[in-house]
Amino acid sequence: MSQPFGQRGEQLATHYLKQQGYTIIGTNWHCRFGEIDIIARQGDTLVFVEVRARHAALPEAAFASISKRKRARLLRAAHLYLADHQLENANWRVDVIAIAIPPSGRPMIEHVADALDW
């Protein structure tokens, strides 16, 4: 995926989360396990968001791109973020936002909260 395309997906996801009442704390947090695309807050819950954008008609292709290995890396990155920010006792979860960007028409956004259990 090209950098501008990935950035567009993250911008769409950030806008979507703000519309849903989330507060954006940060984006593109890097660590040795990879990157957390968006860190947000919903009420008293810290939300780590993985954004997957694909040139597709439906978001399923974006969800399918998250492997077991990617889920493990997301979990390790979330734990490291919590430790680095002294938030070990915080309520938190990992969400996935899948975005399908068709050749014509509007992007479709699908959001799965607490997505690590699939």
PDB file of N, CA and C in Angstrom:
ATOM      1  N   MET A   1       0.857  -1.181   0.000  1.00  0.00           N
ATOM      2  CA  MET A   1       0.000   0.000   0.000  1.00  0.00           C
ATOM      3  C   MET A   1       0.898   1.237   0.000  1.00  0.00           C
ATOM      4  N   SER A   2       0.563   2.184  -0.834  1.00  0.00           N
ATOM      5  CA  SER A   2       1.382   3.387  -0.919  1.00  0.00           C
ATOM      6  C   SER A   2       1.158   4.289   0.291  1.00  0.00           C
ATOM      7  N   GLN A   3       2.172   5.074   0.601  1.00  0.00           N
ATOM      8  CA  GLN A   3       2.103   5.968   1.765  1.00  0.00           C
ATOM      9  C   GLN A   3       0.906   6.925   1.682  1.00  0.00           C
ATOM     10  N   PRO A   4       0.712   7.639   0.549  1.00  0.00           N
ATOM     11  CA  PRO A   4      -0.445   8.551   0.495  1.00  0.00           C
ATOM     12  C   PRO A   4      -1.783   7.820   0.662  1.00  0.00           C
ATOM     13  N   PHE A   5      -1.891   6.606   0.100  1.00  0.00           N
ATOM     14  CA  PHE A   5      -3.129   5.844   0.241  1.00  0.00           C
ATOM     15  C   PHE A   5      -3.355   5.465   1.699  1.00  0.00           C
ATOM     16  N   GLY A   6      -2.292   5.004   2.371  1.00  0.00           N
ATOM     17  CA  GLY A   6      -2.401   4.655   3.783  1.00  0.00           C
ATOM     18  C   GLY A   6      -2.747   5.860   4.642  1.00  0.00           C
ATOM     19  N   GLN A   7      -2.136   6.995   4.328  1.00  0.00           N
ATOM     20  CA  GLN A   7      -2.439   8.221   5.074  1.00  0.00           C
ATOM     21  C   GLN A   7      -3.889   8.630   4.856  1.00  0.00           C
ATOM     22  N   ARG A   8      -4.390   8.457   3.631  1.00  0.00           N
ATOM     23  CA  ARG A   8      -5.801   8.795   3.373  1.00  0.00           C
ATOM     24  C   ARG A   8      -6.719   7.914   4.215  1.00  0.00           C
ATOM     25  N   GLY A   9      -6.394   6.636   4.303  1.00  0.00           N
ATOM     26  CA  GLY A   9      -7.193   5.739   5.129  1.00  0.00           C
ATOM     27  C   GLY A   9      -7.196   6.162   6.588  1.00  0.00           C
ATOM     28  N   GLU A  10      -6.029   6.540   7.092  1.00  0.00           N
ATOM     29  CA  GLU A  10      -5.935   6.976   8.488  1.00  0.00           C
ATOM     30  C   GLU A  10      -6.675   8.294   8.712  1.00  0.00           C
ATOM     31  N   GLN A  11      -6.643   9.183   7.743  1.00  0.00           N
ATOM     32  CA  GLN A  11      -7.399  10.442   7.854  1.00  0.00           C
ATOM     33  C   GLN A  11      -8.902  10.169   7.893  1.00  0.00           C
ATOM     34  N   LEU A  12      -9.366   9.272   7.029  1.00  0.00           N
ATOM     35  CA  LEU A  12     -10.786   8.911   7.034  1.00  0.00           C
ATOM     36  C   LEU A  12     -11.180   8.290   8.373  1.00  0.00           C
ATOM     37  N   ALA A  13     -10.325   7.421   8.902  1.00  0.00           N
ATOM     38  CA  ALA A  13     -10.616   6.773  10.180  1.00  0.00           C
ATOM     39  C   ALA A  13     -10.634   7.784  11.323  1.00  0.00           C
ATOM     40  N   THR A  14      -9.684   8.716  11.323  1.00  0.00           N
ATOM     41  CA  THR A  14      -9.636   9.748  12.371  1.00  0.00           C
ATOM     42  C   THR A  14     -10.901  10.598  12.329  1.00  0.00           C
ATOM     43  N   HIS A  15     -11.298  10.999  11.141  1.00  0.00           N
ATOM     44  CA  HIS A  15     -12.523  11.800  10.986  1.00  0.00           C
ATOM     45  C   HIS A  15     -13.743  11.009  11.484  1.00  0.00           C
ATOM     46  N   TYR A  16     -13.819   9.748  11.103  1.00  0.00           N
ATOM     47  CA  TYR A  16     -14.918   8.888  11.531  1.00  0.00           C
ATOM     48  C   TYR A  16     -14.979   8.796  13.065  1.00  0.00           C
ATOM     49  N   LEU A  17     -13.821   8.545  13.696  1.00  0.00           N
ATOM     50  CA  LEU A  17     -13.793   8.418  15.158  1.00  0.00           C
ATOM     51  C   LEU A  17     -14.234   9.709  15.836  1.00  0.00           C
ATOM     52  N   LYS A  18     -13.770  10.844  15.333  1.00  0.00           N
ATOM     53  CA  LYS A  18     -14.191  12.125  15.907  1.00  0.00           C
ATOM     54  C   LYS A  18     -15.700  12.294  15.799  1.00  0.00           C
ATOM     55  N   GLN A  19     -16.273  11.903  14.655  1.00  0.00           N
ATOM     56  CA  GLN A  19     -17.733  11.986  14.486  1.00  0.00           C
ATOM     57  C   GLN A  19     -18.471  11.092  15.478  1.00  0.00           C
ATOM     58  N   GLN A  20     -17.817  10.004  15.882  1.00  0.00           N
ATOM     59  CA  GLN A  20     -18.429   9.067  16.833  1.00  0.00           C
ATOM     60  C   GLN A  20     -18.197   9.481  18.282  1.00  0.00           C
ATOM     61  N   GLY A  21     -17.545  10.611  18.498  1.00  0.00           N
ATOM     62  CA  GLY A  21     -17.345  11.117  19.851  1.00  0.00           C
ATOM     63  C   GLY A  21     -16.035  10.719  20.506  1.00  0.00           C
ATOM     64  N   TYR A  22     -15.136  10.117  19.778  1.00  0.00           N
ATOM     65  CA  TYR A  22     -13.829   9.754  20.324  1.00  0.00           C
ATOM     66  C   TYR A  22     -12.937  10.988  20.370  1.00  0.00           C
ATOM     67  N   THR A  23     -12.016  11.002  21.306  1.00  0.00           N
ATOM     68  CA  THR A  23     -10.978  12.027  21.377  1.00  0.00           C
ATOM     69  C   THR A  23      -9.692  11.400  20.859  1.00  0.00           C
ATOM     70  N   ILE A  24      -9.071  12.026  19.884  1.00  0.00           N
ATOM     71  CA  ILE A  24      -7.828  11.507  19.321  1.00  0.00           C
ATOM     72  C   ILE A  24      -6.669  11.984  20.184  1.00  0.00           C
ATOM     73  N   ILE A  25      -5.889  11.037  20.685  1.00  0.00           N
ATOM     74  CA  ILE A  25      -4.742  11.349  21.540  1.00  0.00           C
ATOM     75  C   ILE A  25      -3.462  11.419  20.713  1.00  0.00           C
ATOM     76  N   GLY A  26      -3.350  10.542  19.729  1.00  0.00           N
ATOM     77  CA  GLY A  26      -2.149  10.530  18.904  1.00  0.00           C
ATOM     78  C   GLY A  26      -2.328   9.644  17.694  1.00  0.00           C
ATOM     79  N   THR A  27      -1.404   9.785  16.753  1.00  0.00           N
ATOM     80  CA  THR A  27      -1.410   8.951  15.557  1.00  0.00           C
ATOM     81  C   THR A  27       0.013   8.494  15.264  1.00  0.00           C
ATOM     82  N   ASN A  28       0.098   7.368  14.617  1.00  0.00           N
ATOM     83  CA  ASN A  28       1.365   6.817  14.138  1.00  0.00           C
ATOM     84  C   ASN A  28       2.421   6.707  15.242  1.00  0.00           C
ATOM     85  N   TRP A  29       2.053   6.077  16.354  1.00  0.00           N
ATOM     86  CA  TRP A  29       2.996   5.854  17.450  1.00  0.00           C
ATOM     87  C   TRP A  29       3.843   4.631  17.108  1.00  0.00           C
ATOM     88  N   HIS A  30       5.150   4.841  17.057  1.00  0.00           N
ATOM     89  CA  HIS A  30       6.089   3.790  16.670  1.00  0.00           C
ATOM     90  C   HIS A  30       6.794   3.188  17.878  1.00  0.00           C
ATOM     91  N   CYS A  31       7.019   1.878  17.803  1.00  0.00           N
ATOM     92  CA  CYS A  31       7.821   1.180  18.797  1.00  0.00           C
ATOM     93  C   CYS A  31       8.491  -0.002  18.114  1.00  0.00           C
ATOM     94  N   ARG A  32       9.212  -0.796  18.870  1.00  0.00           N
ATOM     95  CA  ARG A  32       9.939  -1.911  18.257  1.00  0.00           C
ATOM     96  C   ARG A  32       9.014  -2.994  17.708  1.00  0.00           C
ATOM     97  N   PHE A  33       7.763  -2.991  18.093  1.00  0.00           N
ATOM     98  CA  PHE A  33       6.809  -3.987  17.595  1.00  0.00           C
ATOM     99  C   PHE A  33       6.034  -3.506  16.381  1.00  0.00           C
ATOM    100  N   GLY A  34       6.228  -2.258  15.989  1.00  0.00           N
ATOM    101  CA  GLY A  34       5.514  -1.717  14.841  1.00  0.00           C
ATOM    102  C   GLY A  34       4.927  -0.363  15.151  1.00  0.00           C
ATOM    103  N   GLU A  35       3.743  -0.152  14.643  1.00  0.00           N
ATOM    104  CA  GLU A  35       3.097   1.149  14.767  1.00  0.00           C
ATOM    105  C   GLU A  35       1.655   0.981  15.206  1.00  0.00           C
ATOM    106  N   ILE A  36       1.208   1.886  16.057  1.00  0.00           N
ATOM    107  CA  ILE A  36      -0.216   1.978  16.372  1.00  0.00           C
ATOM    108  C   ILE A  36      -0.724   3.164  15.563  1.00  0.00           C
ATOM    109  N   ASP A  37      -1.688   2.901  14.685  1.00  0.00           N
ATOM    110  CA  ASP A  37      -2.153   3.939  13.762  1.00  0.00           C
ATOM    111  C   ASP A  37      -2.805   5.110  14.481  1.00  0.00           C
ATOM    112  N   ILE A  38      -3.752   4.801  15.377  1.00  0.00           N
ATOM    113  CA  ILE A  38      -4.480   5.857  16.089  1.00  0.00           C
ATOM    114  C   ILE A  38      -4.637   5.447  17.545  1.00  0.00           C
ATOM    115  N   ILE A  39      -4.392   6.394  18.432  1.00  0.00           N
ATOM    116  CA  ILE A  39      -4.668   6.197  19.856  1.00  0.00           C
ATOM    117  C   ILE A  39      -5.749   7.203  20.205  1.00  0.00           C
ATOM    118  N   ALA A  40      -6.845   6.699  20.729  1.00  0.00           N
ATOM    119  CA  ALA A  40      -7.998   7.554  21.005  1.00  0.00           C
ATOM    120  C   ALA A  40      -8.547   7.227  22.389  1.00  0.00           C
ATOM    121  N   ARG A  41      -9.477   8.046  22.806  1.00  0.00           N
ATOM    122  CA  ARG A  41     -10.161   7.815  24.070  1.00  0.00           C
ATOM    123  C   ARG A  41     -11.661   7.868  23.810  1.00  0.00           C
ATOM    124  N   GLN A  42     -12.354   6.864  24.360  1.00  0.00           N
ATOM    125  CA  GLN A  42     -13.813   6.842  24.334  1.00  0.00           C
ATOM    126  C   GLN A  42     -14.244   6.720  25.789  1.00  0.00           C
ATOM    127  N   GLY A  43     -14.756   7.825  26.322  1.00  0.00           N
ATOM    128  CA  GLY A  43     -15.083   7.839  27.747  1.00  0.00           C
ATOM    129  C   GLY A  43     -13.825   7.624  28.555  1.00  0.00           C
ATOM    130  N   ASP A  44     -13.825   6.603  29.429  1.00  0.00           N
ATOM    131  CA  ASP A  44     -12.637   6.333  30.238  1.00  0.00           C
ATOM    132  C   ASP A  44     -11.800   5.184  29.670  1.00  0.00           C
ATOM    133  N   THR A  45     -12.039   4.827  28.413  1.00  0.00           N
ATOM    134  CA  THR A  45     -11.321   3.720  27.782  1.00  0.00           C
ATOM    135  C   THR A  45     -10.338   4.238  26.743  1.00  0.00           C
ATOM    136  N   LEU A  46      -9.107   3.765  26.834  1.00  0.00           N
ATOM    137  CA  LEU A  46      -8.093   4.070  25.841  1.00  0.00           C
ATOM    138  C   LEU A  46      -8.280   3.073  24.699  1.00  0.00           C
ATOM    139  N   VAL A  47      -8.285   3.572  23.468  1.00  0.00           N
ATOM    140  CA  VAL A  47      -8.558   2.723  22.316  1.00  0.00           C
ATOM    141  C   VAL A  47      -7.388   2.810  21.340  1.00  0.00           C
ATOM    142  N   PHE A  48      -6.777   1.653  21.080  1.00  0.00           N
ATOM    143  CA  PHE A  48      -5.715   1.548  20.080  1.00  0.00           C
ATOM    144  C   PHE A  48      -6.377   1.086  18.791  1.00  0.00           C
ATOM    145  N   VAL A  49      -6.197   1.838  17.721  1.00  0.00           N
ATOM    146  CA  VAL A  49      -6.926   1.563  16.488  1.00  0.00           C
ATOM    147  C   VAL A  49      -5.960   1.183  15.368  1.00  0.00           C
ATOM    148  N   GLU A  50      -6.198   0.024  14.790  1.00  0.00           N
ATOM    149  CA  GLU A  50      -5.498  -0.407  13.593  1.00  0.00           C
ATOM    150  C   GLU A  50      -6.390  -0.056  12.400  1.00  0.00           C
ATOM    151  N   VAL A  51      -5.823   0.653  11.437  1.00  0.00           N
ATOM    152  CA  VAL A  51      -6.578   1.067  10.251  1.00  0.00           C
ATOM    153  C   VAL A  51      -6.106   0.233   9.070  1.00  0.00           C
ATOM    154  N   ARG A  52      -7.055  -0.352   8.360  1.00  0.00           N
ATOM    155  CA  ARG A  52      -6.758  -1.118   7.157  1.00  0.00           C
ATOM    156  C   ARG A  52      -7.591  -0.571   6.018  1.00  0.00           C
ATOM    157  N   ALA A  53      -6.925  -0.015   5.029  1.00  0.00           N
ATOM    158  CA  ALA A  53      -7.617   0.522   3.857  1.00  0.00           C
ATOM    159  C   ALA A  53      -7.226  -0.314   2.644  1.00  0.00           C
ATOM    160  N   ARG A  54      -8.194  -0.592   1.807  1.00  0.00           N
ATOM    161  CA  ARG A  54      -7.949  -1.373   0.598  1.00  0.00           C
ATOM    162  C   ARG A  54      -8.740  -0.770  -0.558  1.00  0.00           C
ATOM    163  N   HIS A  55      -8.175  -0.909  -1.760  1.00  0.00           N
ATOM    164  CA  HIS A  55      -8.921  -0.591  -2.972  1.00  0.00           C
ATOM    165  C   HIS A  55      -9.864  -1.770  -3.178  1.00  0.00           C
ATOM    166  N   ALA A  56     -11.098  -1.619  -2.761  1.00  0.00           N
ATOM    167  CA  ALA A  56     -12.069  -2.720  -2.828  1.00  0.00           C
ATOM    168  C   ALA A  56     -13.472  -2.147  -2.751  1.00  0.00           C
ATOM    169  N   ALA A  57     -14.436  -2.973  -3.098  1.00  0.00           N
ATOM    170  CA  ALA A  57     -15.834  -2.553  -3.024  1.00  0.00           C
ATOM    171  C   ALA A  57     -16.390  -2.701  -1.615  1.00  0.00           C
ATOM    172  N   LEU A  58     -15.844  -3.651  -0.838  1.00  0.00           N
ATOM    173  CA  LEU A  58     -16.341  -3.936   0.511  1.00  0.00           C
ATOM    174  C   LEU A  58     -15.176  -4.020   1.506  1.00  0.00           C
ATOM    175  N   PRO A  59     -15.419  -3.695   2.783  1.00  0.00           N
ATOM    176  CA  PRO A  59     -14.355  -3.691   3.793  1.00  0.00           C
ATOM    177  C   PRO A  59     -13.811  -5.068   4.169  1.00  0.00           C
ATOM    178  N   GLU A  60     -14.462  -6.155   3.776  1.00  0.00           N
ATOM    179  CA  GLU A  60     -14.015  -7.491   4.193  1.00  0.00           C
ATOM    180  C   GLU A  60     -12.560  -7.756   3.819  1.00  0.00           C
ATOM    181  N   ALA A  61     -12.136  -7.278   2.650  1.00  0.00           N
ATOM    182  CA  ALA A  61     -10.748  -7.497   2.220  1.00  0.00           C
ATOM    183  C   ALA A  61      -9.769  -6.852   3.204  1.00  0.00           C
ATOM    184  N   ALA A  62     -10.139  -5.725   3.749  1.00  0.00           N
ATOM    185  CA  ALA A  62      -9.275  -5.038   4.704  1.00  0.00           C
ATOM    186  C   ALA A  62      -9.202  -5.826   6.012  1.00  0.00           C
ATOM    187  N   PHE A  63     -10.325  -6.328   6.487  1.00  0.00           N
ATOM    188  CA  PHE A  63     -10.318  -7.137   7.712  1.00  0.00           C
ATOM    189  C   PHE A  63      -9.499  -8.413   7.520  1.00  0.00           C
ATOM    190  N   ALA A  64      -9.637  -9.023   6.356  1.00  0.00           N
ATOM    191  CA  ALA A  64      -8.945 -10.284   6.084  1.00  0.00           C
ATOM    192  C   ALA A  64      -7.428 -10.126   6.093  1.00  0.00           C
ATOM    193  N   SER A  65      -6.952  -8.901   5.946  1.00  0.00           N
ATOM    194  CA  SER A  65      -5.509  -8.672   5.876  1.00  0.00           C
ATOM    195  C   SER A  65      -4.831  -8.691   7.247  1.00  0.00           C
ATOM    196  N   ILE A  66      -5.587  -8.859   8.313  1.00  0.00           N
ATOM    197  CA  ILE A  66      -4.993  -8.859   9.660  1.00  0.00           C
ATOM    198  C   ILE A  66      -4.729 -10.300  10.089  1.00  0.00           C
ATOM    199  N   SER A  67      -3.464 -10.648  10.093  1.00  0.00           N
ATOM    200  CA  SER A  67      -3.047 -12.010  10.426  1.00  0.00           C
ATOM    201  C   SER A  67      -2.948 -12.200  11.942  1.00  0.00           C
ATOM    202  N   LYS A  68      -2.766 -13.449  12.332  1.00  0.00           N
ATOM    203  CA  LYS A  68      -2.558 -13.771  13.745  1.00  0.00           C
ATOM    204  C   LYS A  68      -1.294 -13.067  14.252  1.00  0.00           C
ATOM    205  N   ARG A  69      -0.263 -13.038  13.424  1.00  0.00           N
ATOM    206  CA  ARG A  69       0.990 -12.368  13.782  1.00  0.00           C
ATOM    207  C   ARG A  69       0.771 -10.868  13.983  1.00  0.00           C
ATOM    208  N   LYS A  70      -0.028 -10.240  13.102  1.00  0.00           N
ATOM    209  CA  LYS A  70      -0.314  -8.807  13.234  1.00  0.00           C
ATOM    210  C   LYS A  70      -1.071  -8.540  14.529  1.00  0.00           C
ATOM    211  N   ARG A  71      -2.029  -9.390  14.860  1.00  0.00           N
ATOM    212  CA  ARG A  71      -2.777  -9.222  16.117  1.00  0.00           C
ATOM    213  C   ARG A  71      -1.826  -9.280  17.311  1.00  0.00           C
ATOM    214  N   ALA A  72      -0.878 -10.221  17.285  1.00  0.00           N
ATOM    215  CA  ALA A  72       0.078 -10.344  18.394  1.00  0.00           C
ATOM    216  C   ALA A  72       0.949  -9.098  18.493  1.00  0.00           C
ATOM    217  N   ARG A  73       1.387  -8.557  17.359  1.00  0.00           N
ATOM    218  CA  ARG A  73       2.211  -7.348  17.356  1.00  0.00           C
ATOM    219  C   ARG A  73       1.419  -6.146  17.882  1.00  0.00           C
ATOM    220  N   LEU A  74       0.145  -6.059  17.514  1.00  0.00           N
ATOM    221  CA  LEU A  74      -0.705  -4.969  18.019  1.00  0.00           C
ATOM    222  C   LEU A  74      -0.827  -5.042  19.538  1.00  0.00           C
ATOM    223  N   LEU A  75      -1.014  -6.237  20.042  1.00  0.00           N
ATOM    224  CA  LEU A  75      -1.150  -6.428  21.484  1.00  0.00           C
ATOM    225  C   LEU A  75       0.136  -6.045  22.211  1.00  0.00           C
ATOM    226  N   ARG A  76       1.278  -6.483  21.681  1.00  0.00           N
ATOM    227  CA  ARG A  76       2.557  -6.127  22.307  1.00  0.00           C
ATOM    228  C   ARG A  76       2.789  -4.617  22.251  1.00  0.00           C
ATOM    229  N   ALA A  77       2.457  -3.990  21.127  1.00  0.00           N
ATOM    230  CA  ALA A  77       2.631  -2.537  21.005  1.00  0.00           C
ATOM    231  C   ALA A  77       1.731  -1.801  21.999  1.00  0.00           C
ATOM    232  N   ALA A  78       0.496  -2.270  22.176  1.00  0.00           N
ATOM    233  CA  ALA A  78      -0.422  -1.642  23.133  1.00  0.00           C
ATOM    234  C   ALA A  78       0.135  -1.738  24.551  1.00  0.00           C
ATOM    235  N   HIS A  79       0.632  -2.909  24.918  1.00  0.00           N
ATOM    236  CA  HIS A  79       1.208  -3.075  26.262  1.00  0.00           C
ATOM    237  C   HIS A  79       2.418  -2.162  26.467  1.00  0.00           C
ATOM    238  N   LEU A  80       3.247  -2.028  25.443  1.00  0.00           N
ATOM    239  CA  LEU A  80       4.411  -1.155  25.539  1.00  0.00           C
ATOM    240  C   LEU A  80       3.988   0.310  25.680  1.00  0.00           C
ATOM    241  N   TYR A  81       2.970   0.727  24.921  1.00  0.00           N
ATOM    242  CA  TYR A  81       2.462   2.094  25.040  1.00  0.00           C
ATOM    243  C   TYR A  81       1.968   2.344  26.466  1.00  0.00           C
ATOM    244  N   LEU A  82       1.200   1.407  26.997  1.00  0.00           N
ATOM    245  CA  LEU A  82       0.667   1.561  28.356  1.00  0.00           C
ATOM    246  C   LEU A  82       1.797   1.678  29.369  1.00  0.00           C
ATOM    247  N   ALA A  83       2.824   0.848  29.232  1.00  0.00           N
ATOM    248  CA  ALA A  83       3.956   0.895  30.158  1.00  0.00           C
ATOM    249  C   ALA A  83       4.730   2.208  30.010  1.00  0.00           C
ATOM    250  N   ASP A  84       4.970   2.632  28.772  1.00  0.00           N
ATOM    251  CA  ASP A  84       5.731   3.868  28.528  1.00  0.00           C
ATOM    252  C   ASP A  84       5.021   5.115  29.062  1.00  0.00           C
ATOM    253  N   HIS A  85       3.698   5.046  29.150  1.00  0.00           N
ATOM    254  CA  HIS A  85       2.914   6.205  29.591  1.00  0.00           C
ATOM    255  C   HIS A  85       2.318   6.011  30.992  1.00  0.00           C
ATOM    256  N   GLN A  86       2.854   5.049  31.744  1.00  0.00           N
ATOM    257  CA  GLN A  86       2.389   4.742  33.106  1.00  0.00           C
ATOM    258  C   GLN A  86       0.864   4.585  33.158  1.00  0.00           C
ATOM    259  N   LEU A  87       0.326   3.815  32.218  1.00  0.00           N
ATOM    260  CA  LEU A  87      -1.121   3.605  32.129  1.00  0.00           C
ATOM    261  C   LEU A  87      -1.499   2.127  32.296  1.00  0.00           C
ATOM    262  N   GLU A  88      -0.661   1.367  33.009  1.00  0.00           N
ATOM    263  CA  GLU A  88      -0.885  -0.070  33.136  1.00  0.00           C
ATOM    264  C   GLU A  88      -2.263  -0.415  33.709  1.00  0.00           C
ATOM    265  N   ASN A  89      -2.835   0.472  34.509  1.00  0.00           N
ATOM    266  CA  ASN A  89      -4.138   0.188  35.116  1.00  0.00           C
ATOM    267  C   ASN A  89      -5.313   0.762  34.338  1.00  0.00           C
ATOM    268  N   ALA A  90      -5.052   1.331  33.175  1.00  0.00           N
ATOM    269  CA  ALA A  90      -6.116   1.954  32.379  1.00  0.00           C
ATOM    270  C   ALA A  90      -7.015   0.895  31.740  1.00  0.00           C
ATOM    271  N   ASN A  91      -8.262   1.263  31.521  1.00  0.00           N
ATOM    272  CA  ASN A  91      -9.164   0.451  30.694  1.00  0.00           C
ATOM    273  C   ASN A  91      -8.743   0.685  29.249  1.00  0.00           C
ATOM    274  N   TRP A  92      -8.599  -0.386  28.477  1.00  0.00           N
ATOM    275  CA  TRP A  92      -8.167  -0.220  27.097  1.00  0.00           C
ATOM    276  C   TRP A  92      -8.665  -1.376  26.246  1.00  0.00           C
ATOM    277  N   ARG A  93      -8.599  -1.145  24.930  1.00  0.00           N
ATOM    278  CA  ARG A  93      -8.964  -2.188  23.972  1.00  0.00           C
ATOM    279  C   ARG A  93      -8.295  -1.865  22.633  1.00  0.00           C
ATOM    280  N   VAL A  94      -8.320  -2.842  21.739  1.00  0.00           N
ATOM    281  CA  VAL A  94      -7.805  -2.648  20.391  1.00  0.00           C
ATOM    282  C   VAL A  94      -8.977  -2.776  19.426  1.00  0.00           C
ATOM    283  N   ASP A  95      -9.178  -1.754  18.605  1.00  0.00           N
ATOM    284  CA  ASP A  95     -10.218  -1.756  17.579  1.00  0.00           C
ATOM    285  C   ASP A  95      -9.579  -1.842  16.201  1.00  0.00           C
ATOM    286  N   VAL A  96     -10.369  -2.273  15.231  1.00  0.00           N
ATOM    287  CA  VAL A  96      -9.925  -2.256  13.848  1.00  0.00           C
ATOM    288  C   VAL A  96     -10.950  -1.489  13.031  1.00  0.00           C
ATOM    289  N   ILE A  97     -10.442  -0.578  12.205  1.00  0.00           N
ATOM    290  CA  ILE A  97     -11.296   0.123  11.251  1.00  0.00           C
ATOM    291  C   ILE A  97     -10.857  -0.311   9.864  1.00  0.00           C
ATOM    292  N   ALA A  98     -11.787  -0.907   9.134  1.00  0.00           N
ATOM    293  CA  ALA A  98     -11.528  -1.332   7.760  1.00  0.00           C
ATOM    294  C   ALA A  98     -12.206  -0.345   6.816  1.00  0.00           C
ATOM    295  N   ILE A  99     -11.463   0.067   5.812  1.00  0.00           N
ATOM    296  CA  ILE A  99     -11.977   1.033   4.848  1.00  0.00           C
ATOM    297  C   ILE A  99     -11.832   0.456   3.456  1.00  0.00           C
ATOM    298  N   ALA A 100     -12.940   0.396   2.752  1.00  0.00           N
ATOM    299  CA  ALA A 100     -12.934  -0.007   1.342  1.00  0.00           C
ATOM    300  C   ALA A 100     -13.074   1.255   0.509  1.00  0.00           C
ATOM    301  N   ILE A 101     -12.122   1.434  -0.385  1.00  0.00           N
ATOM    302  CA  ILE A 101     -12.161   2.599  -1.260  1.00  0.00           C
ATOM    303  C   ILE A 101     -12.373   2.077  -2.679  1.00  0.00           C
ATOM    304  N   PRO A 102     -13.629   2.156  -3.164  1.00  0.00           N
ATOM    305  CA  PRO A 102     -13.927   1.637  -4.495  1.00  0.00           C
ATOM    306  C   PRO A 102     -13.428   2.593  -5.586  1.00  0.00           C
ATOM    307  N   PRO A 103     -13.329   2.093  -6.816  1.00  0.00           N
ATOM    308  CA  PRO A 103     -12.874   2.949  -7.912  1.00  0.00           C
ATOM    309  C   PRO A 103     -13.743   4.202  -8.093  1.00  0.00           C
ATOM    310  N   SER A 104     -15.036   4.043  -7.851  1.00  0.00           N
ATOM    311  CA  SER A 104     -15.922   5.214  -7.889  1.00  0.00           C
ATOM    312  C   SER A 104     -16.890   5.093  -6.719  1.00  0.00           C
ATOM    313  N   GLY A 105     -17.330   6.210  -6.231  1.00  0.00           N
ATOM    314  CA  GLY A 105     -18.224   6.194  -5.083  1.00  0.00           C
ATOM    315  C   GLY A 105     -17.487   6.527  -3.803  1.00  0.00           C
ATOM    316  N   ARG A 106     -18.230   6.520  -2.725  1.00  0.00           N
ATOM    317  CA  ARG A 106     -17.695   6.910  -1.425  1.00  0.00           C
ATOM    318  C   ARG A 106     -17.023   5.739  -0.725  1.00  0.00           C
ATOM    319  N   PRO A 107     -16.004   6.035   0.082  1.00  0.00           N
ATOM    320  CA  PRO A 107     -15.379   4.974   0.883  1.00  0.00           C
ATOM    321  C   PRO A 107     -16.386   4.395   1.884  1.00  0.00           C
ATOM    322  N   MET A 108     -16.243   3.110   2.144  1.00  0.00           N
ATOM    323  CA  MET A 108     -17.074   2.432   3.145  1.00  0.00           C
ATOM    324  C   MET A 108     -16.196   2.147   4.355  1.00  0.00           C
ATOM    325  N   ILE A 109     -16.697   2.519   5.533  1.00  0.00           N
ATOM    326  CA  ILE A 109     -15.945   2.338   6.767  1.00  0.00           C
ATOM    327  C   ILE A 109     -16.694   1.368   7.668  1.00  0.00           C
ATOM    328  N   GLU A 110     -15.964   0.374   8.156  1.00  0.00           N
ATOM    329  CA  GLU A 110     -16.526  -0.567   9.111  1.00  0.00           C
ATOM    330  C   GLU A 110     -15.609  -0.597  10.332  1.00  0.00           C
ATOM    331  N   HIS A 111     -16.196  -0.539  11.520  1.00  0.00           N
ATOM    332  CA  HIS A 111     -15.454  -0.427  12.763  1.00  0.00           C
ATOM    333  C   HIS A 111     -15.806  -1.604  13.659  1.00  0.00           C
ATOM    334  N   VAL A 112     -14.786  -2.346  14.085  1.00  0.00           N
ATOM    335  CA  VAL A 112     -14.995  -3.439  15.027  1.00  0.00           C
ATOM    336  C   VAL A 112     -14.272  -3.086  16.323  1.00  0.00           C
ATOM    337  N   ALA A 113     -15.036  -2.943  17.385  1.00  0.00           N
ATOM    338  CA  ALA A 113     -14.465  -2.638  18.701  1.00  0.00           C
ATOM    339  C   ALA A 113     -13.975  -3.940  19.331  1.00  0.00           C
ATOM    340  N   ASP A 114     -12.904  -3.826  20.121  1.00  0.00           N
ATOM    341  CA  ASP A 114     -12.344  -4.963  20.852  1.00  0.00           C
ATOM    342  C   ASP A 114     -12.093  -6.131  19.896  1.00  0.00           C
ATOM    343  N   ALA A 115     -11.338  -5.868  18.851  1.00  0.00           N
ATOM    344  CA  ALA A 115     -11.214  -6.774  17.721  1.00  0.00           C
ATOM    345  C   ALA A 115     -10.202  -7.903  17.899  1.00  0.00           C
ATOM    346  N   LEU A 116      -9.467  -7.953  18.984  1.00  0.00           N
ATOM    347  CA  LEU A 116      -8.425  -8.974  19.094  1.00  0.00           C
ATOM    348  C   LEU A 116      -8.942 -10.374  19.349  1.00  0.00           C
ATOM    349  N   ASP A 117     -10.185 -10.520  19.643  1.00  0.00           N
ATOM    350  CA  ASP A 117     -10.703 -11.839  19.953  1.00  0.00           C
ATOM    351  C   ASP A 117     -11.093 -12.665  18.731  1.00  0.00           C
ATOM    352  N   TRP A 118     -10.986 -12.082  17.499  1.00  0.00           N
ATOM    353  CA  TRP A 118     -11.398 -12.909  16.375  1.00  0.00           C
ATOM    354  C   TRP A 118     -10.354 -13.850  15.915  1.00  0.00           C
TER     355      TRP A 118
END
